[in-house]
Amino acid sequence: MDNLVLEQLRLIREDLSCLKTNLADARSEIADVRSDLLGQQTMLLGLATVIGQIDKRVEHLEQKIGA
């Protein structure tokens, strides 16, 4: 009887170990996704700035040609 209980506890310990490993992997992947997202946000802000500058130039040219 004791051996059966010990065997079940060992199996539970192994399962917990696997879960901890999987959780660590998932956290690492989430950190990578956050990093990628931050890079994309930075790129979008840069693009928005460039688009704003182009829009101002177009408006200036329209005023010059009287459109």
C-alpha atoms as a PDB file:
ATOM      1  CA  MET A   1       0.000   0.000   0.000  1.00  0.00           C
ATOM      2  CA  ASP A   2       2.791   2.413   0.879  1.00  0.00           C
ATOM      3  CA  ASN A   3       4.509   1.685  -2.422  1.00  0.00           C
ATOM      4  CA  LEU A   4       1.343   2.578  -4.341  1.00  0.00           C
ATOM      5  CA  VAL A   5       1.042   5.914  -2.544  1.00  0.00           C
ATOM      6  CA  LEU A   6       4.720   6.679  -3.080  1.00  0.00           C
ATOM      7  CA  GLU A   7       4.415   5.776  -6.757  1.00  0.00           C
ATOM      8  CA  GLN A   8       1.444   8.123  -7.174  1.00  0.00           C
ATOM      9  CA  LEU A   9       3.304  10.913  -5.397  1.00  0.00           C
ATOM     10  CA  ARG A  10       6.308  10.376  -7.676  1.00  0.00           C
ATOM     11  CA  LEU A  11       4.065  10.603 -10.741  1.00  0.00           C
ATOM     12  CA  ILE A  12       2.483  13.777  -9.401  1.00  0.00           C
ATOM     13  CA  ARG A  13       5.942  15.258  -8.805  1.00  0.00           C
ATOM     14  CA  GLU A  14       6.939  14.446 -12.396  1.00  0.00           C
ATOM     15  CA  ASP A  15       3.756  16.048 -13.714  1.00  0.00           C
ATOM     16  CA  LEU A  16       4.420  19.180 -11.682  1.00  0.00           C
ATOM     17  CA  SER A  17       7.962  19.331 -12.994  1.00  0.00           C
ATOM     18  CA  CYS A  18       6.694  19.157 -16.579  1.00  0.00           C
ATOM     19  CA  LEU A  19       4.129  21.861 -15.863  1.00  0.00           C
ATOM     20  CA  LYS A  20       6.824  24.134 -14.420  1.00  0.00           C
ATOM     21  CA  THR A  21       8.966  23.639 -17.521  1.00  0.00           C
ATOM     22  CA  ASN A  22       6.030  24.339 -19.837  1.00  0.00           C
ATOM     23  CA  LEU A  23       5.122  27.443 -17.844  1.00  0.00           C
ATOM     24  CA  ALA A  24       8.694  28.750 -18.079  1.00  0.00           C
ATOM     25  CA  ASP A  25       8.652  28.177 -21.854  1.00  0.00           C
ATOM     26  CA  ALA A  26       5.305  29.974 -22.171  1.00  0.00           C
ATOM     27  CA  ARG A  27       6.615  32.935 -20.163  1.00  0.00           C
ATOM     28  CA  SER A  28       9.636  33.158 -22.434  1.00  0.00           C
ATOM     29  CA  GLU A  29       7.432  33.132 -25.521  1.00  0.00           C
ATOM     30  CA  ILE A  30       5.191  35.831 -24.039  1.00  0.00           C
ATOM     31  CA  ALA A  31       8.256  37.981 -23.355  1.00  0.00           C
ATOM     32  CA  ASP A  32       9.311  37.538 -26.999  1.00  0.00           C
ATOM     33  CA  VAL A  33       5.834  38.541 -28.212  1.00  0.00           C
ATOM     34  CA  ARG A  34       5.882  41.632 -25.978  1.00  0.00           C
ATOM     35  CA  SER A  35       9.261  42.611 -27.368  1.00  0.00           C
ATOM     36  CA  ASP A  36       8.044  42.183 -30.949  1.00  0.00           C
ATOM     37  CA  LEU A  37       4.928  44.199 -30.192  1.00  0.00           C
ATOM     38  CA  LEU A  38       6.962  47.031 -28.727  1.00  0.00           C
ATOM     39  CA  GLY A  39       9.096  47.086 -31.875  1.00  0.00           C
ATOM     40  CA  GLN A  40       6.014  47.221 -34.075  1.00  0.00           C
ATOM     41  CA  GLN A  41       4.497  50.022 -31.998  1.00  0.00           C
ATOM     42  CA  THR A  42       7.710  52.013 -32.337  1.00  0.00           C
ATOM     43  CA  MET A  43       7.718  51.446 -36.091  1.00  0.00           C
ATOM     44  CA  LEU A  44       4.071  52.523 -36.384  1.00  0.00           C
ATOM     45  CA  LEU A  45       4.745  55.712 -34.448  1.00  0.00           C
ATOM     46  CA  GLY A  46       7.643  56.457 -36.771  1.00  0.00           C
ATOM     47  CA  LEU A  47       5.470  55.840 -39.822  1.00  0.00           C
ATOM     48  CA  ALA A  48       2.724  58.052 -38.417  1.00  0.00           C
ATOM     49  CA  THR A  49       5.247  60.859 -38.003  1.00  0.00           C
ATOM     50  CA  VAL A  50       6.451  60.485 -41.599  1.00  0.00           C
ATOM     51  CA  ILE A  51       2.868  60.411 -42.895  1.00  0.00           C
ATOM     52  CA  GLY A  52       2.104  63.565 -40.929  1.00  0.00           C
ATOM     53  CA  GLN A  53       5.117  65.307 -42.464  1.00  0.00           C
ATOM     54  CA  ILE A  54       4.093  64.243 -45.969  1.00  0.00           C
ATOM     55  CA  ASP A  55       0.555  65.495 -45.342  1.00  0.00           C
ATOM     56  CA  LYS A  56       1.904  68.904 -44.310  1.00  0.00           C
ATOM     57  CA  ARG A  57       4.081  69.082 -47.431  1.00  0.00           C
ATOM     58  CA  VAL A  58       1.111  68.228 -49.648  1.00  0.00           C
ATOM     59  CA  GLU A  59      -0.991  70.910 -47.971  1.00  0.00           C
ATOM     60  CA  HIS A  60       1.809  73.424 -48.480  1.00  0.00           C
ATOM     61  CA  LEU A  61       2.104  72.515 -52.159  1.00  0.00           C
ATOM     62  CA  GLU A  62      -1.679  72.759 -52.587  1.00  0.00           C
ATOM     63  CA  GLN A  63      -1.604  76.260 -51.109  1.00  0.00           C
ATOM     64  CA  LYS A  64       1.222  77.260 -53.443  1.00  0.00           C
ATOM     65  CA  ILE A  65      -0.594  76.081 -56.574  1.00  0.00           C
ATOM     66  CA  GLY A  66      -3.935  77.428 -55.381  1.00  0.00           C
ATOM     67  CA  ALA A  67      -5.789  74.141 -55.212  1.00  0.00           C
END
